[in-house]
Amino acid sequence: MATYECSNCGMAVNAACAKCDAPLVDDVLKLDDGNEVQISKCPNGHGKIKSPLCCGQDMSCSVG
């Protein structure tokens, strides 16, 4: 399951798909300009999200 954690305050969030309740899985989205964005996606194809924000910055998630 994708677990995002704030490096500033330690707040953590587990993410699941609201359509099928499956735990989201870690992934990386490669943009046309060559940059990569860390995302979590539904393993059943219901979509993907960018990392949430906490303390004014993106929360991180270990992709693995």
Foldseek 3Di string as FASTA:
>chain_A
DWWFAAPPPGDIDFDADPVPRHGWAWDWDQDPVRDIFIWTAYPVPPGIDGADDDPRDGTDTDHD
